Amino acid sequence: MKRFFGLNVWLAALIVAGIQSAALGYMIVDRAGLLQDGREIVLDVKPVDPRSLFRGDYVILNYGALSRIEGALLKDLPDGTRTLYVTARKVAGEQGAPEWKPVAVSAAYPVKAGDGDVVLRGSVPEHFAARLSAMGSAPVDYGIEAYFVPEGEGKRLEKLIGEGEMRVVAAIGTDGRAAIKGIEAKGERVYEERIW
């Protein structure tokens, strides 16, 4: 009987390990697929806090109007909405360079977006979601607000962000998920996420 019980424990442990391995494998393959097949867009980065942009070896990224959605776009959303689908369009920015701006926000993936538009799936903090339709604006997190940088590169990237010379290359999936694919500085790709 002891031998039989011991086999059951080992079998259960193997099954659990197999399930965990399969879940981890799925997450890796899913992200690799997004990076490889997602639509590529280049996003301008705005300084968050010039005195303390870097914490450890990652940078906090802010995408201007995409990171903080104005209330006019939120007014028709039901209160309690946490997941948002932000339709963004490339328009002329303040200095003439094109940048992505939100043009519509919905609680479900839009049936049709305009030609050239991109749909990003984001989330708002719970305390904003409770009164979303009454908010003057709300922060939106797309999962691409932090980027881990190679050790020793932080100060250089901090300077590039402050000068407006750094941009994020993001891959956008057909479901609106976003992943950072790379970093551009002064128009050249300086970092590229490895797919595998």
Protein backbone atom coordinates (compact mmCIF):
# COMPACT_ATOMS: atom_id res chain seq x y z
CA MET A 1 0.00 0.00 0.00
CA LYS A 2 2.89 2.41 0.79
CA ARG A 3 4.37 1.84 -2.65
CA PHE A 4 1.02 2.54 -4.32
CA PHE A 5 0.56 5.79 -2.35
CA GLY A 6 4.09 6.93 -3.28
CA LEU A 7 3.38 6.38 -6.98
CA ASN A 8 0.22 8.48 -6.75
CA VAL A 9 2.16 11.38 -5.22
CA TRP A 10 4.80 11.21 -7.96
CA LEU A 11 2.15 10.96 -10.66
CA ALA A 12 0.29 13.97 -9.24
CA ALA A 13 3.56 15.94 -9.04
CA LEU A 14 4.35 15.09 -12.68
CA ILE A 15 0.87 16.15 -13.80
CA VAL A 16 1.15 19.48 -11.95
CA ALA A 17 4.64 20.09 -13.38
CA GLY A 18 3.35 19.27 -16.86
CA ILE A 19 0.45 21.72 -16.54
CA GLN A 20 2.77 24.47 -15.26
CA SER A 21 5.24 23.82 -18.09
CA ALA A 22 2.45 23.93 -20.68
CA ALA A 23 1.14 27.24 -19.27
CA LEU A 24 4.63 28.77 -19.31
CA GLY A 25 5.22 27.50 -22.84
CA TYR A 26 1.93 29.02 -24.00
CA MET A 27 2.86 32.43 -22.54
CA ILE A 28 6.23 32.38 -24.31
CA VAL A 29 4.80 31.29 -27.67
CA ASP A 30 1.93 33.80 -27.37
CA ARG A 31 4.30 36.73 -26.75
CA ALA A 32 6.65 35.59 -29.51
CA GLY A 33 3.70 35.46 -31.91
CA LEU A 34 2.67 38.99 -30.95
CA LEU A 35 6.19 40.33 -31.47
CA GLN A 36 6.56 38.52 -34.79
CA ASP A 37 3.11 39.04 -36.32
CA GLY A 38 1.72 42.14 -34.58
CA ARG A 39 1.27 45.39 -36.46
CA GLU A 40 4.27 47.61 -35.81
CA ILE A 41 3.73 51.22 -34.73
CA VAL A 42 6.20 53.79 -33.42
CA LEU A 43 5.10 55.74 -30.33
CA ASP A 44 6.52 59.01 -29.03
CA VAL A 45 7.64 58.86 -25.42
CA LYS A 46 7.04 61.73 -23.00
CA PRO A 47 9.16 62.32 -19.88
CA VAL A 48 7.47 61.12 -16.69
CA ASP A 49 9.68 62.78 -14.08
CA PRO A 50 13.03 64.10 -15.31
CA ARG A 51 14.55 63.75 -11.84
CA SER A 52 13.79 60.06 -11.35
CA LEU A 53 12.83 58.36 -14.60
CA PHE A 54 14.79 55.23 -13.86
CA ARG A 55 14.24 52.88 -10.98
CA GLY A 56 16.73 50.05 -11.15
CA ASP A 57 17.29 48.91 -14.70
CA TYR A 58 14.00 49.90 -16.27
CA VAL A 59 12.45 53.08 -17.58
CA ILE A 60 8.89 54.24 -16.97
CA LEU A 61 7.29 55.21 -20.29
CA ASN A 62 4.46 57.65 -20.93
CA TYR A 63 2.78 57.98 -24.32
CA GLY A 64 1.22 61.42 -23.93
CA ALA A 65 -2.43 61.52 -25.01
CA LEU A 66 -2.57 57.71 -25.28
CA SER A 67 -1.54 57.35 -21.63
CA ARG A 68 -4.18 59.74 -20.32
CA ILE A 69 -7.53 59.63 -22.12
CA GLU A 70 -9.62 62.81 -22.05
CA GLY A 71 -13.10 62.75 -20.53
CA ALA A 72 -14.90 63.51 -23.81
CA LEU A 73 -13.88 60.05 -25.06
CA LEU A 74 -14.94 58.39 -21.78
CA LYS A 75 -18.40 59.92 -21.26
CA ASP A 76 -20.37 57.14 -23.00
CA LEU A 77 -18.64 54.26 -21.20
CA PRO A 78 -20.47 52.48 -18.38
CA ASP A 79 -19.05 53.12 -14.91
CA GLY A 80 -17.03 50.17 -13.66
CA THR A 81 -15.39 49.56 -17.05
CA ARG A 82 -11.78 48.49 -16.43
CA THR A 83 -10.79 47.21 -19.87
CA LEU A 84 -10.84 49.79 -22.66
CA TYR A 85 -10.24 49.55 -26.38
CA VAL A 86 -8.60 52.75 -27.57
CA THR A 87 -8.72 53.48 -31.30
CA ALA A 88 -5.67 55.57 -32.19
CA ARG A 89 -4.93 57.48 -35.37
CA LYS A 90 -1.65 58.88 -36.64
CA VAL A 91 -1.96 62.67 -36.82
CA ALA A 92 0.41 65.63 -37.05
CA GLY A 93 1.84 66.31 -33.61
CA GLU A 94 2.72 69.58 -31.92
CA GLN A 95 6.06 69.86 -33.72
CA GLY A 96 4.75 68.58 -37.04
CA ALA A 97 6.02 65.03 -36.58
CA PRO A 98 3.28 62.37 -36.76
CA GLU A 99 2.12 60.83 -33.51
CA TRP A 100 -0.65 58.48 -32.40
CA LYS A 101 -3.68 60.11 -30.75
CA PRO A 102 -6.83 58.49 -29.33
CA VAL A 103 -9.92 59.13 -31.47
CA ALA A 104 -12.41 56.70 -29.88
CA VAL A 105 -12.72 54.56 -26.76
CA SER A 106 -15.06 51.61 -26.23
CA ALA A 107 -15.69 48.86 -23.69
CA ALA A 108 -15.56 46.18 -26.42
CA TYR A 109 -13.28 45.71 -29.40
CA PRO A 110 -14.68 47.97 -32.14
CA VAL A 111 -16.43 46.26 -35.03
CA LYS A 112 -14.62 48.48 -37.52
CA ALA A 113 -11.75 50.90 -37.15
CA GLY A 114 -10.80 53.47 -39.77
CA ASP A 115 -8.16 52.74 -42.39
CA GLY A 116 -4.76 53.20 -40.83
CA ASP A 117 -6.17 53.26 -37.30
CA VAL A 118 -4.91 50.89 -34.63
CA VAL A 119 -6.83 49.51 -31.64
CA LEU A 120 -5.02 49.10 -28.32
CA ARG A 121 -6.40 47.19 -25.34
CA GLY A 122 -5.73 48.96 -22.07
CA SER A 123 -6.93 49.06 -18.50
CA VAL A 124 -7.78 51.83 -16.07
CA PRO A 125 -7.20 51.70 -12.30
CA GLU A 126 -10.20 50.53 -10.30
CA HIS A 127 -10.75 53.85 -8.52
CA PHE A 128 -11.05 55.59 -11.91
CA ALA A 129 -13.27 52.87 -13.39
CA ALA A 130 -15.91 53.31 -10.67
CA ARG A 131 -16.77 56.79 -11.98
CA LEU A 132 -15.33 56.61 -15.49
CA SER A 133 -18.08 58.55 -17.31
CA ALA A 134 -17.69 61.51 -14.91
CA MET A 135 -13.89 61.70 -15.07
CA GLY A 136 -12.17 64.65 -16.73
CA SER A 137 -9.49 62.20 -17.84
CA ALA A 138 -8.21 58.77 -16.85
CA PRO A 139 -4.84 57.01 -17.04
CA VAL A 140 -4.69 53.95 -19.28
CA ASP A 141 -2.12 51.16 -18.96
CA TYR A 142 -1.41 49.10 -22.09
CA GLY A 143 1.22 46.85 -20.52
CA ILE A 144 4.04 48.71 -22.29
CA GLU A 145 4.71 51.38 -19.67
CA ALA A 146 8.01 49.93 -18.45
CA TYR A 147 11.05 48.80 -20.39
CA PHE A 148 14.03 46.98 -18.91
CA VAL A 149 17.27 48.46 -20.19
CA PRO A 150 20.79 47.02 -20.31
CA GLU A 151 22.84 47.89 -17.26
CA GLY A 152 24.56 51.25 -17.60
CA GLU A 153 22.30 52.52 -20.41
CA GLY A 154 19.80 54.30 -18.17
CA LYS A 155 21.37 57.76 -18.14
CA ARG A 156 21.79 57.82 -21.93
CA LEU A 157 18.16 56.83 -22.51
CA GLU A 158 17.00 59.30 -19.85
CA LYS A 159 18.74 62.07 -21.79
CA LEU A 160 17.18 60.93 -25.09
CA ILE A 161 13.69 60.94 -23.57
CA GLY A 162 14.23 64.43 -22.16
CA GLU A 163 15.34 65.64 -25.60
CA GLY A 164 12.34 64.01 -27.27
CA GLU A 165 14.65 61.72 -29.26
CA MET A 166 13.44 58.32 -28.04
CA ARG A 167 10.53 56.36 -29.45
CA VAL A 168 9.07 52.96 -28.66
CA VAL A 169 8.39 50.45 -31.43
CA ALA A 170 5.32 48.47 -30.34
CA ALA A 171 3.73 45.37 -31.84
CA ILE A 172 -0.08 45.46 -31.69
CA GLY A 173 -2.00 42.19 -31.94
CA THR A 174 -5.35 41.76 -33.67
CA ASP A 175 -6.96 41.68 -30.20
CA GLY A 176 -5.41 45.02 -29.19
CA ARG A 177 -2.66 43.62 -26.95
CA ALA A 178 0.61 45.54 -27.17
CA ALA A 179 4.23 44.53 -26.60
CA ILE A 180 7.42 46.57 -26.86
CA LYS A 181 9.31 45.34 -29.89
CA GLY A 182 12.20 47.78 -29.73
CA ILE A 183 13.51 51.25 -28.96
CA GLU A 184 14.48 53.93 -31.48
CA ALA A 185 16.82 56.80 -30.71
CA LYS A 186 17.25 59.63 -33.19
CA GLY A 187 15.47 57.56 -35.86
CA GLU A 188 17.63 54.43 -35.49
CA ARG A 189 16.69 51.18 -33.77
CA VAL A 190 18.99 50.83 -30.75
CA TYR A 191 17.27 47.92 -28.97
CA GLU A 192 15.34 45.01 -30.39
CA GLU A 193 13.38 42.50 -28.32
CA ARG A 194 14.35 38.96 -29.18
CA ILE A 195 11.41 36.85 -30.24
CA TRP A 196 12.81 33.68 -28.71
